[in-house]
């Protein structure tokens, strides 16, 4: 699978997902729910809530330092959803910087293993492959910490200034998106490098599995 296809997935390990983070409004959504603004052998994406393009390397006033967010389910903690209802399983948010090439290759391999595509993609066009991966990701369901949200009129107006290509645009308007706005108390000042994040959740899974086996 290509990087373009694997970018649509989020699951790195069971209960651990990596999502693109809107660096302007704090949106966290399924990677399949970002609005595509152009096809150029890959994609450019915009936030479906504020409409700003995703720019992983830019540094601008008002923009978060973190480029992505790792979300880990934590059964020991409670979590209040954006609609103020209590969720049974808690989550831990870890803001991270954009990955270096070596770390990205490892993460993509994790994602490919977790996705476990049932259908062979050989012989499909690039757009058909992306559509098939998107369908597979969405068939796996959504995380309980997300809620259904609508693409905003402000986002549509801003996105319309970028391009006339509305790939998947109508689908998002009909189905909505599965997303949340990052809680305000998540510390964003010093995001982890993704190399450190890999080590962190690797150790977390090791401790969890060993702790469970000793009970």
N, C-alpha and C. Protein backbone atom coordinates (compact mmCIF):
# COMPACT_ATOMS: atom_id res chain seq x y z
N UNK A 1 0.83 -1.20 0.00
CA UNK A 1 0.00 0.00 0.00
C UNK A 1 0.87 1.25 0.00
N UNK A 2 0.37 2.31 -0.60
CA UNK A 2 1.14 3.54 -0.69
C UNK A 2 0.92 4.41 0.55
N UNK A 3 1.79 5.40 0.72
CA UNK A 3 1.65 6.34 1.84
C UNK A 3 0.34 7.11 1.74
N UNK A 4 -0.07 7.47 0.51
CA UNK A 4 -1.32 8.21 0.32
C UNK A 4 -2.48 7.41 0.87
N UNK A 5 -2.49 6.10 0.61
CA UNK A 5 -3.58 5.24 1.08
C UNK A 5 -3.52 5.06 2.59
N UNK A 6 -2.33 4.84 3.12
CA UNK A 6 -2.19 4.59 4.55
C UNK A 6 -2.42 5.86 5.38
N UNK A 7 -2.26 7.03 4.76
CA UNK A 7 -2.55 8.28 5.46
C UNK A 7 -4.03 8.39 5.83
N UNK A 8 -4.88 7.62 5.16
CA UNK A 8 -6.31 7.65 5.46
C UNK A 8 -6.65 6.84 6.71
N UNK A 9 -5.72 6.02 7.16
CA UNK A 9 -5.95 5.19 8.33
C UNK A 9 -5.39 5.88 9.56
N UNK A 10 -5.75 5.38 10.75
CA UNK A 10 -5.26 6.02 11.98
C UNK A 10 -4.73 5.02 13.00
N UNK A 11 -5.18 3.77 12.94
CA UNK A 11 -4.86 2.81 13.99
C UNK A 11 -3.42 2.31 13.90
N UNK A 12 -2.65 2.57 14.95
CA UNK A 12 -1.27 2.12 15.02
C UNK A 12 -1.15 0.80 15.77
N UNK A 13 -1.87 0.72 16.87
CA UNK A 13 -1.95 -0.48 17.71
C UNK A 13 -3.37 -0.51 18.30
N UNK A 14 -3.83 -1.63 18.83
CA UNK A 14 -5.18 -1.65 19.41
C UNK A 14 -5.36 -0.57 20.47
N UNK A 15 -6.34 0.31 20.28
CA UNK A 15 -6.61 1.36 21.24
C UNK A 15 -5.71 2.57 21.12
N UNK A 16 -4.83 2.59 20.13
CA UNK A 16 -3.92 3.72 19.92
C UNK A 16 -4.03 4.20 18.48
N UNK A 17 -4.48 5.44 18.31
CA UNK A 17 -4.68 6.00 16.98
C UNK A 17 -3.91 7.30 16.83
N UNK A 18 -3.49 7.57 15.61
CA UNK A 18 -2.82 8.83 15.29
C UNK A 18 -3.67 9.57 14.27
N UNK A 19 -4.03 10.81 14.61
CA UNK A 19 -4.90 11.60 13.74
C UNK A 19 -4.21 12.90 13.33
N UNK A 20 -4.61 13.40 12.17
CA UNK A 20 -4.21 14.75 11.80
C UNK A 20 -4.94 15.73 12.70
N UNK A 21 -4.25 16.77 13.11
CA UNK A 21 -4.81 17.79 14.00
C UNK A 21 -4.92 19.10 13.24
N UNK A 22 -6.12 19.70 13.27
CA UNK A 22 -6.22 21.04 12.68
C UNK A 22 -5.44 21.98 13.58
N UNK A 23 -4.42 22.60 13.03
CA UNK A 23 -3.54 23.43 13.82
C UNK A 23 -4.13 24.82 14.07
N UNK A 24 -5.36 25.06 13.54
CA UNK A 24 -6.03 26.33 13.75
C UNK A 24 -7.16 26.21 14.76
N UNK A 25 -8.05 25.22 14.58
CA UNK A 25 -9.24 25.16 15.46
C UNK A 25 -9.22 23.97 16.41
N UNK A 26 -8.23 23.06 16.28
CA UNK A 26 -8.13 21.94 17.20
C UNK A 26 -9.00 20.74 16.84
N UNK A 27 -9.51 20.69 15.61
CA UNK A 27 -10.32 19.54 15.21
C UNK A 27 -9.49 18.27 15.19
N UNK A 28 -10.06 17.21 15.76
CA UNK A 28 -9.51 15.86 15.64
C UNK A 28 -10.61 15.02 15.00
N UNK A 29 -10.33 14.42 13.85
CA UNK A 29 -11.34 13.66 13.13
C UNK A 29 -10.71 12.43 12.52
N UNK A 30 -11.57 11.49 12.12
CA UNK A 30 -11.05 10.37 11.34
C UNK A 30 -10.29 10.93 10.15
N UNK A 31 -9.18 10.31 9.79
CA UNK A 31 -8.38 10.82 8.69
C UNK A 31 -9.14 10.78 7.36
N UNK A 32 -10.14 9.92 7.26
CA UNK A 32 -10.97 9.87 6.06
C UNK A 32 -11.95 11.03 5.98
N UNK A 33 -12.12 11.78 7.08
CA UNK A 33 -13.13 12.83 7.12
C UNK A 33 -12.60 14.23 6.85
N UNK A 34 -11.32 14.34 6.56
CA UNK A 34 -10.79 15.64 6.13
C UNK A 34 -11.23 15.88 4.69
N UNK A 35 -11.54 17.13 4.36
CA UNK A 35 -12.04 17.46 3.03
C UNK A 35 -10.88 17.59 2.04
N UNK A 36 -10.96 16.78 0.97
CA UNK A 36 -9.93 16.85 -0.06
C UNK A 36 -10.14 18.08 -0.92
N UNK A 37 -9.07 18.83 -1.16
CA UNK A 37 -9.19 20.03 -1.98
C UNK A 37 -8.55 19.89 -3.35
N UNK A 38 -7.75 18.86 -3.56
CA UNK A 38 -7.16 18.66 -4.88
C UNK A 38 -6.59 17.26 -4.98
N UNK A 39 -6.55 16.73 -6.18
CA UNK A 39 -5.90 15.46 -6.45
C UNK A 39 -4.69 15.75 -7.33
N UNK A 40 -3.50 15.33 -6.86
CA UNK A 40 -2.27 15.61 -7.63
C UNK A 40 -1.33 14.42 -7.50
N UNK A 41 -1.89 13.21 -7.57
CA UNK A 41 -1.11 12.00 -7.30
C UNK A 41 -1.13 11.70 -5.82
N UNK A 42 -1.66 12.64 -5.07
CA UNK A 42 -1.87 12.54 -3.64
C UNK A 42 -3.00 13.51 -3.34
N UNK A 43 -3.09 13.97 -2.12
CA UNK A 43 -4.17 14.88 -1.77
C UNK A 43 -3.64 16.08 -1.01
N UNK A 44 -4.37 17.17 -1.11
CA UNK A 44 -4.25 18.28 -0.18
C UNK A 44 -5.56 18.31 0.58
N UNK A 45 -5.49 18.57 1.89
CA UNK A 45 -6.69 18.49 2.71
C UNK A 45 -6.97 19.81 3.42
N UNK A 46 -8.25 19.99 3.75
CA UNK A 46 -8.67 21.16 4.52
C UNK A 46 -9.55 20.68 5.67
N UNK A 47 -9.54 21.45 6.75
CA UNK A 47 -10.35 21.13 7.91
C UNK A 47 -11.84 21.32 7.59
N UNK A 48 -12.69 20.34 7.87
CA UNK A 48 -14.12 20.47 7.56
C UNK A 48 -14.89 21.37 8.53
N UNK A 49 -14.21 21.89 9.55
CA UNK A 49 -14.86 22.79 10.50
C UNK A 49 -14.48 24.25 10.26
N UNK A 50 -13.16 24.52 10.13
CA UNK A 50 -12.76 25.92 9.89
C UNK A 50 -12.36 26.18 8.44
N UNK A 51 -12.06 25.12 7.69
CA UNK A 51 -11.76 25.27 6.27
C UNK A 51 -10.32 25.56 5.92
N UNK A 52 -9.46 25.78 6.92
CA UNK A 52 -8.05 26.04 6.62
C UNK A 52 -7.35 24.77 6.16
N UNK A 53 -6.42 24.94 5.25
CA UNK A 53 -5.66 23.80 4.74
C UNK A 53 -4.74 23.24 5.83
N UNK A 54 -4.51 21.93 5.73
CA UNK A 54 -3.56 21.29 6.63
C UNK A 54 -2.15 21.58 6.14
N UNK A 55 -1.34 22.21 6.98
CA UNK A 55 0.03 22.58 6.64
C UNK A 55 0.95 22.10 7.75
N UNK A 56 1.57 20.92 7.59
CA UNK A 56 2.34 20.32 8.69
C UNK A 56 3.61 21.06 9.06
N UNK A 57 4.20 21.79 8.13
CA UNK A 57 5.50 22.39 8.42
C UNK A 57 5.45 23.90 8.66
N UNK A 58 4.32 24.53 8.39
CA UNK A 58 4.24 25.97 8.53
C UNK A 58 4.25 26.39 10.00
N UNK A 59 4.79 27.58 10.27
CA UNK A 59 4.74 28.17 11.59
C UNK A 59 4.16 29.57 11.46
N UNK A 60 2.93 29.73 11.96
CA UNK A 60 2.24 31.01 11.86
C UNK A 60 1.63 31.38 13.21
N UNK A 61 1.41 32.66 13.41
CA UNK A 61 0.77 33.11 14.65
C UNK A 61 -0.62 32.49 14.76
N UNK A 62 -0.92 31.90 15.91
CA UNK A 62 -2.21 31.29 16.13
C UNK A 62 -2.29 29.83 15.76
N UNK A 63 -1.21 29.30 15.20
CA UNK A 63 -1.18 27.90 14.76
C UNK A 63 -0.52 27.04 15.82
N UNK A 64 -1.09 25.88 16.10
CA UNK A 64 -0.52 24.95 17.07
C UNK A 64 0.84 24.45 16.62
N UNK A 65 1.75 24.22 17.59
CA UNK A 65 3.04 23.62 17.26
C UNK A 65 2.89 22.18 16.80
N UNK A 66 1.96 21.46 17.42
CA UNK A 66 1.75 20.05 17.09
C UNK A 66 1.11 19.92 15.71
N UNK A 67 1.51 18.88 14.97
CA UNK A 67 0.95 18.61 13.66
C UNK A 67 -0.07 17.47 13.69
N UNK A 68 0.10 16.58 14.67
CA UNK A 68 -0.80 15.42 14.81
C UNK A 68 -1.10 15.20 16.28
N UNK A 69 -2.05 14.33 16.53
CA UNK A 69 -2.40 13.99 17.91
C UNK A 69 -2.52 12.47 18.01
N UNK A 70 -1.87 11.89 19.01
CA UNK A 70 -2.03 10.47 19.29
C UNK A 70 -3.06 10.34 20.41
N UNK A 71 -4.07 9.52 20.19
CA UNK A 71 -5.13 9.32 21.18
C UNK A 71 -5.08 7.87 21.65
N UNK A 72 -4.90 7.68 22.96
CA UNK A 72 -4.80 6.35 23.55
C UNK A 72 -5.97 6.14 24.49
N UNK A 73 -6.70 5.06 24.29
CA UNK A 73 -7.80 4.74 25.20
C UNK A 73 -7.25 4.32 26.55
N UNK A 74 -7.84 4.86 27.61
CA UNK A 74 -7.37 4.61 28.97
C UNK A 74 -8.55 4.20 29.83
N UNK A 75 -8.72 2.90 30.12
CA UNK A 75 -9.89 2.45 30.87
C UNK A 75 -9.94 2.96 32.30
N UNK A 76 -8.83 3.47 32.83
CA UNK A 76 -8.81 3.94 34.23
C UNK A 76 -9.37 5.33 34.39
N UNK A 77 -9.50 6.10 33.32
CA UNK A 77 -9.89 7.49 33.43
C UNK A 77 -11.24 7.76 32.76
N UNK A 78 -11.99 8.69 33.33
CA UNK A 78 -13.23 9.12 32.70
C UNK A 78 -12.96 10.26 31.73
N UNK A 79 -13.88 10.46 30.82
CA UNK A 79 -13.70 11.51 29.83
C UNK A 79 -15.05 12.13 29.51
N UNK A 80 -15.13 13.44 29.54
CA UNK A 80 -16.36 14.14 29.20
C UNK A 80 -16.33 14.50 27.72
N UNK A 81 -17.28 13.99 26.97
CA UNK A 81 -17.35 14.28 25.54
C UNK A 81 -17.70 15.74 25.31
N UNK A 82 -17.47 16.23 24.06
CA UNK A 82 -17.81 17.63 23.77
C UNK A 82 -19.28 17.97 24.03
N UNK A 83 -20.18 16.97 23.94
CA UNK A 83 -21.58 17.25 24.22
C UNK A 83 -21.90 17.11 25.71
N UNK A 84 -20.86 16.98 26.53
CA UNK A 84 -20.92 16.95 28.00
C UNK A 84 -21.47 15.64 28.56
N UNK A 85 -21.57 14.59 27.73
CA UNK A 85 -21.98 13.29 28.25
C UNK A 85 -20.74 12.50 28.64
N UNK A 86 -20.90 11.69 29.69
CA UNK A 86 -19.75 10.94 30.20
C UNK A 86 -19.49 9.70 29.35
N UNK A 87 -18.25 9.49 29.01
CA UNK A 87 -17.85 8.31 28.26
C UNK A 87 -17.22 7.32 29.23
N UNK A 88 -17.54 6.04 29.06
CA UNK A 88 -17.07 5.03 30.00
C UNK A 88 -15.55 4.86 29.95
N UNK A 89 -15.01 4.76 28.76
CA UNK A 89 -13.57 4.56 28.63
C UNK A 89 -12.89 5.89 28.40
N UNK A 90 -11.89 6.22 29.19
CA UNK A 90 -11.20 7.49 29.06
C UNK A 90 -10.18 7.46 27.92
N UNK A 91 -9.61 8.62 27.64
CA UNK A 91 -8.60 8.73 26.61
C UNK A 91 -7.47 9.63 27.09
N UNK A 92 -6.31 9.42 26.53
CA UNK A 92 -5.16 10.27 26.78
C UNK A 92 -4.74 10.89 25.46
N UNK A 93 -4.55 12.21 25.46
CA UNK A 93 -4.17 12.93 24.26
C UNK A 93 -2.67 13.26 24.31
N UNK A 94 -1.96 12.93 23.24
CA UNK A 94 -0.53 13.22 23.16
C UNK A 94 -0.24 14.00 21.87
N UNK A 95 -0.03 15.33 21.98
CA UNK A 95 0.31 16.10 20.78
C UNK A 95 1.72 15.78 20.31
N UNK A 96 1.88 15.64 19.01
CA UNK A 96 3.19 15.26 18.46
C UNK A 96 3.56 16.12 17.26
N UNK A 97 4.85 16.20 17.01
CA UNK A 97 5.36 16.92 15.85
C UNK A 97 5.31 16.01 14.62
N UNK A 98 5.55 16.60 13.45
CA UNK A 98 5.59 15.82 12.21
C UNK A 98 6.74 14.83 12.26
N UNK A 99 6.51 13.62 11.76
CA UNK A 99 7.51 12.55 11.87
C UNK A 99 8.64 12.72 10.87
N UNK A 100 9.85 12.28 11.27
CA UNK A 100 10.94 12.18 10.31
C UNK A 100 10.66 10.96 9.42
N UNK A 101 11.43 10.82 8.34
CA UNK A 101 11.16 9.79 7.34
C UNK A 101 11.21 8.38 7.92
N UNK A 102 12.23 8.09 8.72
CA UNK A 102 12.38 6.74 9.28
C UNK A 102 11.22 6.39 10.19
N UNK A 103 10.82 7.31 11.06
CA UNK A 103 9.69 7.07 11.95
C UNK A 103 8.40 6.90 11.16
N UNK A 104 8.22 7.72 10.12
CA UNK A 104 7.00 7.63 9.30
C UNK A 104 6.88 6.27 8.62
N UNK A 105 8.00 5.73 8.15
CA UNK A 105 7.99 4.41 7.50
C UNK A 105 7.51 3.35 8.49
N UNK A 106 8.00 3.41 9.72
CA UNK A 106 7.60 2.45 10.74
C UNK A 106 6.11 2.59 11.06
N UNK A 107 5.65 3.82 11.21
CA UNK A 107 4.23 4.05 11.51
C UNK A 107 3.34 3.53 10.39
N UNK A 108 3.75 3.76 9.15
CA UNK A 108 2.95 3.29 8.02
C UNK A 108 2.86 1.76 8.03
N UNK A 109 3.93 1.10 8.43
CA UNK A 109 3.91 -0.36 8.50
C UNK A 109 2.93 -0.82 9.59
N UNK A 110 2.94 -0.14 10.74
CA UNK A 110 1.98 -0.45 11.80
C UNK A 110 0.55 -0.32 11.27
N UNK A 111 0.28 0.78 10.56
CA UNK A 111 -1.06 1.03 10.05
C UNK A 111 -1.48 -0.04 9.04
N UNK A 112 -0.56 -0.46 8.21
CA UNK A 112 -0.87 -1.47 7.20
C UNK A 112 -1.24 -2.79 7.87
N UNK A 113 -0.52 -3.14 8.92
CA UNK A 113 -0.81 -4.38 9.66
C UNK A 113 -2.18 -4.29 10.32
N UNK A 114 -2.48 -3.15 10.95
CA UNK A 114 -3.74 -3.01 11.67
C UNK A 114 -4.94 -2.95 10.72
N UNK A 115 -4.76 -2.37 9.54
CA UNK A 115 -5.88 -2.26 8.59
C UNK A 115 -6.25 -3.64 8.05
N UNK A 116 -5.24 -4.47 7.73
CA UNK A 116 -5.48 -5.84 7.26
C UNK A 116 -6.49 -5.85 6.12
N UNK A 117 -6.14 -5.19 5.02
CA UNK A 117 -7.04 -5.09 3.88
C UNK A 117 -7.45 -6.46 3.37
N UNK A 118 -8.76 -6.65 3.22
CA UNK A 118 -9.27 -7.92 2.74
C UNK A 118 -9.26 -8.01 1.21
N UNK A 119 -9.35 -6.87 0.54
CA UNK A 119 -9.43 -6.85 -0.91
C UNK A 119 -8.09 -6.49 -1.53
N UNK A 120 -7.71 -7.21 -2.58
CA UNK A 120 -6.49 -6.92 -3.31
C UNK A 120 -6.68 -5.64 -4.11
N UNK A 121 -5.74 -4.70 -4.00
CA UNK A 121 -5.87 -3.42 -4.67
C UNK A 121 -5.21 -3.39 -6.04
N UNK A 122 -4.55 -4.48 -6.41
CA UNK A 122 -3.87 -4.54 -7.71
C UNK A 122 -4.88 -4.34 -8.85
N UNK A 123 -4.47 -3.58 -9.84
CA UNK A 123 -5.31 -3.37 -11.01
C UNK A 123 -6.26 -2.19 -10.89
N UNK A 124 -6.35 -1.59 -9.69
CA UNK A 124 -7.23 -0.44 -9.50
C UNK A 124 -6.47 0.85 -9.80
N UNK A 125 -7.18 1.89 -10.23
CA UNK A 125 -6.56 3.19 -10.43
C UNK A 125 -6.26 3.81 -9.07
N UNK A 126 -5.38 4.83 -9.01
CA UNK A 126 -5.09 5.47 -7.72
C UNK A 126 -6.34 5.93 -6.98
N UNK A 127 -7.29 6.55 -7.68
CA UNK A 127 -8.51 7.03 -7.02
C UNK A 127 -9.36 5.86 -6.54
N UNK A 128 -9.40 4.77 -7.32
CA UNK A 128 -10.17 3.60 -6.91
C UNK A 128 -9.56 2.95 -5.68
N UNK A 129 -8.21 2.93 -5.63
CA UNK A 129 -7.53 2.37 -4.46
C UNK A 129 -7.85 3.17 -3.20
N UNK A 130 -7.79 4.49 -3.33
CA UNK A 130 -8.10 5.36 -2.19
C UNK A 130 -9.55 5.16 -1.74
N UNK A 131 -10.46 5.06 -2.70
CA UNK A 131 -11.87 4.84 -2.37
C UNK A 131 -12.06 3.52 -1.64
N UNK A 132 -11.33 2.48 -2.05
CA UNK A 132 -11.45 1.17 -1.42
C UNK A 132 -10.90 1.20 0.01
N UNK A 133 -9.76 1.86 0.19
CA UNK A 133 -9.18 1.97 1.53
C UNK A 133 -10.11 2.78 2.44
N UNK A 134 -10.66 3.88 1.91
CA UNK A 134 -11.60 4.70 2.68
C UNK A 134 -12.80 3.87 3.14
N UNK A 135 -13.33 3.07 2.23
CA UNK A 135 -14.48 2.23 2.57
C UNK A 135 -14.12 1.22 3.66
N UNK A 136 -12.91 0.65 3.56
CA UNK A 136 -12.47 -0.32 4.56
C UNK A 136 -12.30 0.33 5.93
N UNK A 137 -11.71 1.52 5.96
CA UNK A 137 -11.51 2.24 7.22
C UNK A 137 -12.85 2.55 7.86
N UNK A 138 -13.79 3.04 7.07
CA UNK A 138 -15.09 3.44 7.62
C UNK A 138 -15.90 2.22 8.06
N UNK A 139 -15.66 1.07 7.43
CA UNK A 139 -16.36 -0.15 7.81
C UNK A 139 -15.93 -0.65 9.18
N UNK A 140 -14.75 -0.24 9.63
CA UNK A 140 -14.25 -0.67 10.93
C UNK A 140 -14.95 0.06 12.08
N UNK A 141 -15.78 1.04 11.73
CA UNK A 141 -16.50 1.77 12.77
C UNK A 141 -15.71 2.98 13.25
N UNK A 142 -16.23 3.65 14.26
CA UNK A 142 -15.61 4.86 14.77
C UNK A 142 -15.32 4.73 16.25
N UNK A 143 -14.41 5.50 16.75
CA UNK A 143 -14.06 5.48 18.16
C UNK A 143 -15.17 6.14 18.99
N UNK A 144 -15.32 5.66 20.21
CA UNK A 144 -16.40 6.17 21.06
C UNK A 144 -16.18 7.61 21.50
N UNK A 145 -14.95 8.11 21.41
CA UNK A 145 -14.72 9.49 21.82
C UNK A 145 -15.11 10.50 20.74
N UNK A 146 -15.47 10.03 19.55
CA UNK A 146 -15.93 10.93 18.50
C UNK A 146 -17.45 11.09 18.57
N UNK A 147 -17.92 12.18 18.00
CA UNK A 147 -19.35 12.38 17.84
C UNK A 147 -19.60 12.88 16.42
N UNK A 148 -20.84 12.75 15.97
CA UNK A 148 -21.19 13.20 14.61
C UNK A 148 -21.22 14.71 14.56
N UNK A 149 -20.52 15.25 13.56
CA UNK A 149 -20.48 16.70 13.37
C UNK A 149 -20.76 16.99 11.90
N UNK A 150 -21.14 18.22 11.61
CA UNK A 150 -21.45 18.63 10.24
C UNK A 150 -20.35 19.53 9.69
N UNK A 151 -20.12 19.43 8.39
CA UNK A 151 -19.21 20.36 7.73
C UNK A 151 -19.85 21.75 7.81
N UNK A 152 -19.10 22.73 8.28
CA UNK A 152 -19.68 24.06 8.50
C UNK A 152 -19.75 24.87 7.21
N UNK A 153 -20.66 25.82 7.18
CA UNK A 153 -20.77 26.72 6.02
C UNK A 153 -19.50 27.55 5.86
N UNK A 154 -18.90 27.95 6.98
CA UNK A 154 -17.66 28.74 6.91
C UNK A 154 -16.55 27.92 6.26
N UNK A 155 -16.48 26.63 6.61
CA UNK A 155 -15.46 25.77 6.02
C UNK A 155 -15.70 25.61 4.52
N UNK A 156 -16.95 25.39 4.13
CA UNK A 156 -17.26 25.22 2.71
C UNK A 156 -16.91 26.47 1.92
N UNK A 157 -17.20 27.64 2.50
CA UNK A 157 -16.89 28.89 1.80
C UNK A 157 -15.38 29.05 1.60
N UNK A 158 -14.61 28.72 2.64
CA UNK A 158 -13.16 28.86 2.52
C UNK A 158 -12.59 27.82 1.55
N UNK A 159 -13.09 26.58 1.65
CA UNK A 159 -12.60 25.51 0.77
C UNK A 159 -12.90 25.83 -0.69
N UNK A 160 -14.04 26.46 -0.94
CA UNK A 160 -14.41 26.80 -2.32
C UNK A 160 -13.45 27.80 -2.96
N UNK A 161 -12.68 28.51 -2.15
CA UNK A 161 -11.71 29.46 -2.71
C UNK A 161 -10.43 28.74 -3.15
N UNK A 162 -10.24 27.49 -2.71
CA UNK A 162 -9.01 26.77 -3.04
C UNK A 162 -9.07 26.10 -4.40
N UNK A 163 -10.19 25.47 -4.71
CA UNK A 163 -10.24 24.60 -5.89
C UNK A 163 -11.68 24.35 -6.29
N UNK A 164 -11.86 23.95 -7.53
CA UNK A 164 -13.18 23.56 -8.03
C UNK A 164 -13.39 22.05 -7.94
N UNK A 165 -12.37 21.32 -7.52
CA UNK A 165 -12.47 19.87 -7.39
C UNK A 165 -13.15 19.54 -6.06
N UNK A 166 -14.33 18.96 -6.11
CA UNK A 166 -15.08 18.65 -4.89
C UNK A 166 -15.10 17.14 -4.64
N UNK A 167 -13.96 16.49 -4.74
CA UNK A 167 -13.89 15.05 -4.52
C UNK A 167 -14.33 14.70 -3.10
N UNK A 168 -15.37 13.83 -2.96
CA UNK A 168 -15.96 13.39 -1.70
C UNK A 168 -16.69 14.52 -0.95
N UNK A 169 -16.76 15.68 -1.53
CA UNK A 169 -17.36 16.82 -0.85
C UNK A 169 -18.83 16.56 -0.55
N UNK A 170 -19.58 16.05 -1.56
CA UNK A 170 -21.01 15.81 -1.37
C UNK A 170 -21.25 14.72 -0.34
N UNK A 171 -20.39 13.69 -0.32
CA UNK A 171 -20.55 12.61 0.65
C UNK A 171 -20.45 13.14 2.07
N UNK A 172 -19.51 14.04 2.31
CA UNK A 172 -19.35 14.60 3.64
C UNK A 172 -20.56 15.42 4.06
N UNK A 173 -21.13 16.16 3.12
CA UNK A 173 -22.32 16.96 3.44
C UNK A 173 -23.48 16.07 3.84
N UNK A 174 -23.60 14.90 3.18
CA UNK A 174 -24.71 13.99 3.45
C UNK A 174 -24.49 13.19 4.74
N UNK A 175 -23.29 12.62 4.89
CA UNK A 175 -23.03 11.70 6.00
C UNK A 175 -22.50 12.39 7.25
N UNK A 176 -21.96 13.59 7.11
CA UNK A 176 -21.32 14.24 8.24
C UNK A 176 -19.95 13.64 8.50
N UNK A 177 -19.32 14.05 9.60
CA UNK A 177 -17.99 13.55 9.94
C UNK A 177 -18.01 13.05 11.39
N UNK A 178 -17.08 12.16 11.69
CA UNK A 178 -16.90 11.67 13.06
C UNK A 178 -15.68 12.40 13.62
N UNK A 179 -15.89 13.24 14.63
CA UNK A 179 -14.81 14.14 15.05
C UNK A 179 -15.05 14.67 16.45
N UNK A 180 -14.11 15.47 16.91
CA UNK A 180 -14.24 16.20 18.17
C UNK A 180 -13.29 17.39 18.11
N UNK A 181 -13.55 18.39 18.93
CA UNK A 181 -12.61 19.49 19.10
C UNK A 181 -11.75 19.14 20.31
N UNK A 182 -10.46 19.27 20.16
CA UNK A 182 -9.53 18.90 21.21
C UNK A 182 -9.85 19.66 22.50
N UNK A 183 -9.99 18.98 23.64
CA UNK A 183 -10.27 19.68 24.90
C UNK A 183 -9.24 20.77 25.19
N UNK A 184 -9.71 21.86 25.75
CA UNK A 184 -8.87 23.04 25.97
C UNK A 184 -7.75 22.79 26.97
N UNK A 185 -7.90 21.77 27.84
CA UNK A 185 -6.88 21.56 28.86
C UNK A 185 -5.75 20.63 28.40
N UNK A 186 -5.75 20.22 27.14
CA UNK A 186 -4.64 19.42 26.63
C UNK A 186 -3.44 20.34 26.44
N UNK A 187 -2.30 19.97 27.02
CA UNK A 187 -1.11 20.81 26.96
C UNK A 187 -0.46 20.71 25.59
N UNK A 188 -0.42 21.84 24.87
CA UNK A 188 0.08 21.85 23.49
C UNK A 188 1.41 22.57 23.34
N UNK A 189 1.95 23.10 24.46
CA UNK A 189 3.13 23.96 24.35
C UNK A 189 4.38 23.20 23.88
N UNK A 190 4.55 21.97 24.35
CA UNK A 190 5.76 21.20 24.04
C UNK A 190 5.37 19.82 23.51
N UNK A 191 4.95 19.73 22.24
CA UNK A 191 4.58 18.44 21.69
C UNK A 191 5.77 17.49 21.59
N UNK A 192 5.50 16.20 21.69
CA UNK A 192 6.55 15.19 21.56
C UNK A 192 7.00 15.07 20.11
N UNK A 193 8.27 14.70 19.93
CA UNK A 193 8.67 14.24 18.61
C UNK A 193 8.00 12.88 18.40
N UNK A 194 7.76 12.48 17.16
CA UNK A 194 7.09 11.20 16.96
C UNK A 194 8.00 10.03 17.31
N UNK A 195 9.29 10.22 17.28
CA UNK A 195 10.20 9.16 17.74
C UNK A 195 9.96 8.88 19.22
N UNK A 196 9.85 9.95 20.03
CA UNK A 196 9.56 9.78 21.46
C UNK A 196 8.17 9.19 21.67
N UNK A 197 7.21 9.59 20.83
CA UNK A 197 5.86 9.07 20.97
C UNK A 197 5.82 7.57 20.70
N UNK A 198 6.57 7.11 19.69
CA UNK A 198 6.64 5.68 19.40
C UNK A 198 7.16 4.91 20.60
N UNK A 199 8.22 5.42 21.20
CA UNK A 199 8.78 4.76 22.38
C UNK A 199 7.79 4.77 23.53
N UNK A 200 7.06 5.88 23.68
CA UNK A 200 6.12 6.02 24.79
C UNK A 200 4.99 5.01 24.69
N UNK A 201 4.31 4.94 23.53
CA UNK A 201 3.18 4.02 23.50
C UNK A 201 3.62 2.57 23.35
N UNK A 202 4.84 2.35 22.83
CA UNK A 202 5.37 0.99 22.84
C UNK A 202 5.58 0.49 24.27
N UNK A 203 6.11 1.35 25.12
CA UNK A 203 6.32 1.00 26.52
C UNK A 203 4.97 0.84 27.23
N UNK A 204 4.01 1.71 26.89
CA UNK A 204 2.69 1.62 27.50
C UNK A 204 2.03 0.28 27.21
N UNK A 205 2.09 -0.17 25.95
CA UNK A 205 1.48 -1.45 25.59
C UNK A 205 2.21 -2.60 26.26
N UNK A 206 3.53 -2.49 26.38
CA UNK A 206 4.32 -3.55 27.02
C UNK A 206 3.94 -3.65 28.49
N UNK A 207 3.86 -2.51 29.18
CA UNK A 207 3.50 -2.51 30.60
C UNK A 207 2.09 -3.04 30.80
N UNK A 208 1.18 -2.62 29.93
CA UNK A 208 -0.21 -3.07 30.05
C UNK A 208 -0.34 -4.57 29.88
N UNK A 209 0.31 -5.12 28.86
CA UNK A 209 0.21 -6.55 28.59
C UNK A 209 0.86 -7.36 29.69
N UNK A 210 2.01 -6.88 30.21
CA UNK A 210 2.68 -7.62 31.28
C UNK A 210 1.91 -7.53 32.59
N UNK A 211 1.32 -6.37 32.84
CA UNK A 211 0.52 -6.20 34.04
C UNK A 211 -0.68 -7.14 34.02
N UNK A 212 -1.32 -7.27 32.86
CA UNK A 212 -2.49 -8.12 32.73
C UNK A 212 -2.13 -9.60 32.89
N UNK A 213 -0.96 -9.98 32.37
CA UNK A 213 -0.56 -11.39 32.43
C UNK A 213 -0.17 -11.82 33.83
N UNK A 214 0.14 -10.85 34.71
CA UNK A 214 0.57 -11.18 36.06
C UNK A 214 -0.59 -11.19 37.06
N UNK A 215 -1.80 -10.83 36.59
CA UNK A 215 -2.95 -10.77 37.50
C UNK A 215 -3.57 -12.16 37.69
